[in-house]
Amino acid sequence: MSRITLITGGSRGLGRNTALSVARSGGDVVLTYRSNAGEAQAVVAEIEALGRRAVALPLDTGVTSSFGDFAERLRTALRDTWQRETFDHLVNNAGHGDVGSIAETTEAQFDRLVDVHFKGVFFLTQALLPLIADGGRIVNISTGLTRFAYPGYAAYAAAKGAVEVLTHYMAKELGAHGIAVNTVAPGAIETDFGGGAVRDNPEINRQLAGITALGRVGVADDIGPMVASLLGDANRWVTAQRIEVSGGQAI
């Protein structure tokens, strides 16, 4: 029986790369997207071309009132596509960047960051617990910015820091069901995150590469395969860990 991984925000960036990496490792995928159904279906087609099964479902992880309905739609998708009542792995990946100094960050910006990156992770996981198989895995995506500080990311990093603490509590409480829970914390990555600054601004790219031990910034292919490997049997005894994947940034 194939393993099924649910990846929030799986239609683009690190989520898309993780979805494809899971498929290349022999797994099936449920991916969520917020608004771009065409983009999501393109990822489904890529996964199917690899010989795996995939489903794309809409979800805004910042709207907790939608989680009950999402769980029911997921339950239907599992039955219709896999004839199963449960899935195996949850990757809480969906997110956005909103840059602003402490002096300039608005309450609306702060609330949205917390809603998506912390509150959403907490309550979506809660809503999906009845559907996660015993012996499953949860990976919460954080950021290297919880270890090193760059002006403009205080609210974002603080929300991610809360998720890192939450990971420990999830690992403790869900361990009785054999569910391993870990945090993966990427460093600077060339994606469209934060308006694509790392990818598209040569000066920012050079600066970050200059403080990274391996001499460059990351790309999505540095992250997705690592997350997929963490979901594999070789890492079954790893839980409650924060694993930074940054190429040695700011060490």
Protein backbone atom coordinates (compact mmCIF):
# COMPACT_ATOMS: atom_id res chain seq x y z
CA MET A 1 0.00 0.00 0.00
CA SER A 2 1.42 3.37 -1.03
CA ARG A 3 1.99 6.07 1.54
CA ILE A 4 0.03 9.28 1.18
CA THR A 5 1.53 12.67 2.07
CA LEU A 6 -0.56 15.81 2.50
CA ILE A 7 1.45 18.94 1.70
CA THR A 8 -0.09 22.34 2.35
CA GLY A 9 0.91 24.98 -0.17
CA GLY A 10 2.04 22.21 -2.50
CA SER A 11 1.40 23.99 -5.79
CA ARG A 12 4.54 26.15 -5.85
CA GLY A 13 7.97 26.75 -4.36
CA LEU A 14 9.21 24.39 -1.68
CA GLY A 15 5.82 22.71 -1.42
CA ARG A 16 5.82 21.79 -5.10
CA ASN A 17 9.37 20.50 -4.90
CA THR A 18 8.50 18.44 -1.83
CA ALA A 19 5.45 16.97 -3.57
CA LEU A 20 7.53 15.91 -6.56
CA SER A 21 10.27 14.55 -4.30
CA VAL A 22 7.74 12.45 -2.40
CA ALA A 23 6.39 11.10 -5.70
CA ARG A 24 9.90 10.26 -6.93
CA SER A 25 10.39 8.36 -3.66
CA GLY A 26 7.33 6.23 -4.42
CA GLY A 27 4.65 8.08 -2.47
CA ASP A 28 1.28 9.54 -3.40
CA VAL A 29 0.33 13.14 -2.65
CA VAL A 30 -2.54 15.34 -1.60
CA LEU A 31 -1.54 18.96 -2.12
CA THR A 32 -3.38 22.11 -1.18
CA TYR A 33 -3.44 25.46 -2.91
CA ARG A 34 -4.98 28.80 -1.94
CA SER A 35 -6.17 30.27 -5.24
CA ASN A 36 -4.37 29.04 -8.37
CA ALA A 37 -6.14 25.81 -9.33
CA GLY A 38 -4.36 25.61 -12.69
CA GLU A 39 -0.96 25.72 -11.03
CA ALA A 40 -2.01 22.99 -8.62
CA GLN A 41 -3.37 20.75 -11.36
CA ALA A 42 -0.09 21.13 -13.24
CA VAL A 43 1.71 19.65 -10.23
CA VAL A 44 -0.86 16.83 -10.09
CA ALA A 45 -0.10 16.08 -13.74
CA GLU A 46 3.65 16.03 -13.04
CA ILE A 47 3.12 13.58 -10.19
CA GLU A 48 0.90 11.35 -12.32
CA ALA A 49 3.57 11.39 -15.02
CA LEU A 50 5.89 9.86 -12.43
CA GLY A 51 3.44 6.99 -12.03
CA ARG A 52 1.99 8.14 -8.70
CA ARG A 53 -1.48 9.35 -7.70
CA ALA A 54 -2.25 12.89 -6.57
CA VAL A 55 -5.17 15.13 -5.66
CA ALA A 56 -5.26 18.93 -5.29
CA LEU A 57 -7.66 20.56 -2.81
CA PRO A 58 -8.22 24.28 -2.14
CA LEU A 59 -7.37 25.54 1.36
CA ASP A 60 -6.47 28.83 2.99
CA THR A 61 -4.46 27.79 6.04
CA GLY A 62 -5.09 31.18 7.64
CA VAL A 63 -8.86 30.58 7.91
CA THR A 64 -9.41 28.10 10.73
CA SER A 65 -13.19 28.10 10.27
CA SER A 66 -12.68 26.23 6.98
CA PHE A 67 -10.74 23.32 8.48
CA GLY A 68 -13.73 21.15 9.37
CA ASP A 69 -15.02 21.32 5.80
CA PHE A 70 -11.53 20.67 4.45
CA ALA A 71 -11.19 17.55 6.61
CA GLU A 72 -14.44 16.21 5.14
CA ARG A 73 -13.32 16.95 1.58
CA LEU A 74 -10.03 15.23 2.33
CA ARG A 75 -11.88 12.23 3.76
CA THR A 76 -13.88 11.98 0.52
CA ALA A 77 -10.74 12.27 -1.62
CA LEU A 78 -9.01 9.51 0.36
CA ARG A 79 -11.97 7.19 -0.12
CA ASP A 80 -12.50 7.98 -3.79
CA THR A 81 -8.86 7.91 -4.88
CA TRP A 82 -7.21 5.44 -2.50
CA GLN A 83 -10.12 3.59 -0.83
CA ARG A 84 -8.58 4.58 2.48
CA GLU A 85 -9.77 6.32 5.64
CA THR A 86 -6.38 7.76 6.61
CA PHE A 87 -3.22 9.32 5.21
CA ASP A 88 0.33 8.88 6.46
CA HIS A 89 2.28 12.14 6.42
CA LEU A 90 1.40 15.80 6.99
CA VAL A 91 3.79 18.54 5.83
CA ASN A 92 2.71 21.94 7.18
CA ASN A 93 4.40 24.00 4.51
CA ALA A 94 1.98 26.72 3.35
CA GLY A 95 3.10 30.25 4.13
CA HIS A 96 3.97 33.71 2.94
CA GLY A 97 6.53 36.39 3.69
CA ASP A 98 5.57 39.86 4.87
CA VAL A 99 8.62 42.02 5.46
CA GLY A 100 8.48 44.94 7.88
CA SER A 101 10.49 46.34 10.74
CA ILE A 102 9.10 46.10 14.27
CA ALA A 103 8.36 49.82 14.10
CA GLU A 104 6.44 49.52 10.84
CA THR A 105 4.62 46.15 11.04
CA THR A 106 0.87 46.63 11.19
CA GLU A 107 -1.45 44.60 13.38
CA ALA A 108 -3.13 43.24 10.25
CA GLN A 109 0.22 42.01 8.90
CA PHE A 110 1.07 40.47 12.26
CA ASP A 111 -2.29 38.72 12.56
CA ARG A 112 -2.07 37.25 9.07
CA LEU A 113 1.43 35.91 9.72
CA VAL A 114 0.34 34.31 12.99
CA ASP A 115 -2.89 32.98 11.46
CA VAL A 116 -1.06 31.23 8.63
CA HIS A 117 2.23 30.22 10.21
CA PHE A 118 1.20 29.30 13.76
CA LYS A 119 -2.53 29.25 14.46
CA GLY A 120 -3.22 27.55 11.15
CA VAL A 121 -0.60 24.87 11.77
CA PHE A 122 -1.97 24.18 15.25
CA PHE A 123 -5.64 23.91 14.34
CA LEU A 124 -5.23 22.26 10.94
CA THR A 125 -3.16 19.52 12.57
CA GLN A 126 -5.82 19.23 15.26
CA ALA A 127 -8.57 18.89 12.64
CA LEU A 128 -6.64 16.23 10.72
CA LEU A 129 -5.48 14.08 13.64
CA PRO A 130 -8.35 11.58 13.22
CA LEU A 131 -7.19 11.03 9.64
CA ILE A 132 -3.46 10.57 10.30
CA ALA A 133 -2.50 6.91 10.47
CA ASP A 134 -0.69 5.54 13.50
CA GLY A 135 3.02 5.42 12.74
CA GLY A 136 2.75 8.50 10.53
CA ARG A 137 4.88 11.62 10.31
CA ILE A 138 4.40 15.35 10.64
CA VAL A 139 6.91 17.88 9.34
CA ASN A 140 6.48 21.56 10.21
CA ILE A 141 8.36 23.95 7.95
CA SER A 142 10.10 26.75 9.86
CA THR A 143 12.98 29.04 8.89
CA GLY A 144 16.63 29.67 9.63
CA LEU A 145 15.47 33.10 10.79
CA THR A 146 14.59 31.60 14.19
CA ARG A 147 18.35 31.13 14.75
CA PHE A 148 19.82 34.17 13.02
CA ALA A 149 18.20 37.58 12.72
CA TYR A 150 17.67 39.86 9.73
CA PRO A 151 15.80 43.16 10.16
CA GLY A 152 12.29 43.03 8.74
CA TYR A 153 11.41 39.46 9.69
CA ALA A 154 10.60 39.78 13.39
CA ALA A 155 6.90 38.87 13.19
CA TYR A 156 7.45 36.10 10.65
CA ALA A 157 10.32 34.54 12.59
CA ALA A 158 8.46 34.81 15.90
CA ALA A 159 5.50 32.89 14.44
CA LYS A 160 7.89 30.24 13.14
CA GLY A 161 9.58 30.09 16.53
CA ALA A 162 6.20 29.27 18.05
CA VAL A 163 5.85 26.41 15.56
CA GLU A 164 9.23 25.03 16.62
CA VAL A 165 8.04 24.88 20.25
CA LEU A 166 4.76 23.36 19.07
CA THR A 167 6.73 20.64 17.27
CA HIS A 168 8.15 19.45 20.60
CA TYR A 169 4.70 19.25 22.14
CA MET A 170 3.27 17.46 19.12
CA ALA A 171 6.09 14.92 19.29
CA LYS A 172 5.39 14.34 22.97
CA GLU A 173 1.62 14.03 22.70
CA LEU A 174 1.47 12.07 19.45
CA GLY A 175 4.31 9.69 20.25
CA ALA A 176 1.83 7.23 21.76
CA HIS A 177 0.45 6.78 18.23
CA GLY A 178 3.90 6.23 16.78
CA ILE A 179 3.77 9.60 15.01
CA ALA A 180 7.14 11.33 14.63
CA VAL A 181 7.08 15.13 14.44
CA ASN A 182 9.98 17.32 13.32
CA THR A 183 10.77 20.84 12.16
CA VAL A 184 12.69 21.56 8.96
CA ALA A 185 14.18 25.05 8.88
CA PRO A 186 15.42 26.20 5.45
CA GLY A 187 17.91 29.01 5.06
CA ALA A 188 17.84 31.50 2.20
CA ILE A 189 16.30 29.83 -0.87
CA GLU A 190 15.84 30.98 -4.47
CA THR A 191 12.02 30.90 -4.73
CA ASP A 192 9.27 33.49 -5.10
CA PHE A 193 9.06 33.78 -1.29
CA GLY A 194 9.14 37.38 -0.08
CA GLY A 195 8.65 38.67 -3.61
CA GLY A 196 11.54 36.58 -4.92
CA ALA A 197 14.21 38.79 -3.34
CA VAL A 198 16.79 36.04 -2.87
CA ARG A 199 16.19 34.70 -6.38
CA ASP A 200 15.87 37.96 -8.29
CA ASN A 201 18.12 40.48 -6.51
CA PRO A 202 21.76 39.71 -7.40
CA GLU A 203 23.16 41.81 -4.55
CA ILE A 204 21.04 40.09 -1.88
CA ASN A 205 21.92 36.73 -3.43
CA ARG A 206 25.67 37.52 -3.27
CA GLN A 207 25.48 38.79 0.29
CA LEU A 208 23.72 35.67 1.54
CA ALA A 209 26.01 33.36 -0.42
CA GLY A 210 28.96 35.12 1.19
CA ILE A 211 27.85 34.15 4.70
CA THR A 212 26.96 30.56 3.81
CA ALA A 213 29.57 27.87 4.42
CA LEU A 214 28.81 26.03 1.16
CA GLY A 215 29.20 29.27 -0.80
CA ARG A 216 25.77 29.77 -2.35
CA VAL A 217 22.14 30.26 -1.42
CA GLY A 218 19.80 27.30 -1.54
CA VAL A 219 17.43 26.15 -4.26
CA ALA A 220 14.19 24.22 -3.91
CA ASP A 221 15.98 20.99 -4.85
CA ASP A 222 18.02 21.34 -1.65
CA ILE A 223 14.88 21.17 0.50
CA GLY A 224 12.22 18.95 -1.08
CA PRO A 225 14.34 15.78 -1.26
CA MET A 226 15.47 16.31 2.34
CA VAL A 227 11.86 16.51 3.56
CA ALA A 228 10.97 13.42 1.53
CA SER A 229 13.89 11.55 3.11
CA LEU A 230 12.71 12.55 6.58
CA LEU A 231 9.40 10.85 5.78
CA GLY A 232 11.15 7.61 4.81
CA ASP A 233 11.82 4.51 6.88
CA ALA A 234 15.49 5.40 7.32
CA ASN A 235 14.46 8.29 9.60
CA ARG A 236 11.75 6.52 11.59
CA TRP A 237 13.56 7.14 14.92
CA VAL A 238 13.95 10.90 14.44
CA THR A 239 11.41 13.02 16.30
CA ALA A 240 11.15 16.35 18.16
CA GLN A 241 14.10 17.76 16.19
CA ARG A 242 14.75 21.10 14.52
CA ILE A 243 16.75 20.30 11.39
CA GLU A 244 18.22 23.33 9.67
CA VAL A 245 18.84 22.98 5.94
CA SER A 246 20.76 26.14 5.12
CA GLY A 247 24.15 25.13 3.72
CA GLY A 248 25.71 26.52 6.87
CA GLN A 249 24.28 30.03 6.71
CA ALA A 250 25.55 32.46 9.37
CA ILE A 251 27.63 29.95 11.33
